[in-house]
Amino acid sequence: MKRTPGTFYNHATKCEYIALSRVAEVVGVPASVITDAISNGSLKVQEVSGCKCVAVVDLFRFKDEGGAV
């Protein structure tokens, strides 16, 4: 994934994150779907550099499981 505003990379864990404000846009679903997924525990929110984010790995898993329909 190309580095754009709202993306973060943790070199220690080799994990990439997307800011919560951009998740719905990146996945291509309404924000309410993302809100529901966070509420029911399907997506875990983490704080990176003071910004609430979701791991890209978790987004792919969420999308593959049919959560992003």
Protein backbone atom coordinates (compact mmCIF):
# COMPACT_ATOMS: atom_id res chain seq x y z
CA MET A 1 0.00 0.00 0.00
CA LYS A 2 1.32 3.44 -0.92
CA ARG A 3 2.00 5.76 2.01
CA THR A 4 -0.74 8.34 2.16
CA PRO A 5 -2.04 10.62 4.90
CA GLY A 6 -3.78 8.52 7.51
CA THR A 7 -1.57 5.45 7.14
CA PHE A 8 1.01 4.32 9.67
CA TYR A 9 3.64 1.58 9.76
CA ASN A 10 5.07 0.00 12.89
CA HIS A 11 8.59 -1.19 12.09
CA ALA A 12 8.83 -3.26 15.27
CA THR A 13 5.80 -5.42 14.47
CA LYS A 14 5.91 -4.95 10.66
CA CYS A 15 2.23 -3.99 10.77
CA GLU A 16 0.48 -1.28 8.77
CA TYR A 17 -2.43 0.75 10.14
CA ILE A 18 -5.10 3.01 8.66
CA ALA A 19 -6.63 5.93 10.54
CA LEU A 20 -10.16 5.23 11.70
CA SER A 21 -11.41 8.27 9.78
CA ARG A 22 -10.30 6.65 6.50
CA VAL A 23 -11.26 3.01 7.08
CA ALA A 24 -14.72 3.18 5.48
CA GLU A 25 -13.29 4.92 2.41
CA VAL A 26 -10.50 2.37 1.99
CA VAL A 27 -12.76 -0.66 2.42
CA GLY A 28 -15.57 0.89 0.38
CA VAL A 29 -18.42 0.48 2.83
CA PRO A 30 -20.61 2.93 4.75
CA ALA A 31 -19.17 4.23 8.01
CA SER A 32 -22.06 2.61 9.90
CA VAL A 33 -20.77 -0.84 8.91
CA ILE A 34 -17.36 -0.01 10.36
CA THR A 35 -18.96 1.42 13.52
CA ASP A 36 -20.98 -1.78 13.98
CA ALA A 37 -17.88 -3.94 13.43
CA ILE A 38 -15.97 -2.02 16.08
CA SER A 39 -18.92 -2.21 18.49
CA ASN A 40 -19.31 -5.98 18.13
CA GLY A 41 -15.56 -6.63 18.32
CA SER A 42 -14.94 -7.63 14.69
CA LEU A 43 -12.43 -4.80 14.27
CA LYS A 44 -9.95 -3.85 16.98
CA VAL A 45 -9.05 -0.16 17.33
CA GLN A 46 -5.49 0.68 18.35
CA GLU A 47 -3.81 4.00 19.03
CA VAL A 48 -0.77 4.84 16.90
CA SER A 49 0.99 8.18 17.35
CA GLY A 50 -2.11 9.56 19.06
CA CYS A 51 -4.43 8.50 16.22
CA LYS A 52 -7.07 5.79 16.50
CA CYS A 53 -6.34 3.19 13.82
CA VAL A 54 -7.24 -0.26 12.53
CA ALA A 55 -4.61 -2.76 11.36
CA VAL A 56 -4.68 -3.46 7.62
CA VAL A 57 -4.47 -7.19 8.38
CA ASP A 58 -7.68 -6.91 10.42
CA LEU A 59 -9.38 -5.03 7.57
CA PHE A 60 -8.53 -7.78 5.08
CA ARG A 61 -9.81 -10.41 7.52
CA PHE A 62 -13.01 -8.41 8.07
CA LYS A 63 -13.56 -8.03 4.33
CA ASP A 64 -12.81 -11.72 3.59
CA GLU A 65 -15.25 -12.87 6.28
CA GLY A 66 -18.02 -10.98 4.52
CA GLY A 67 -18.28 -8.15 7.03
CA ALA A 68 -17.77 -5.57 4.29
CA VAL A 69 -20.66 -6.51 2.05
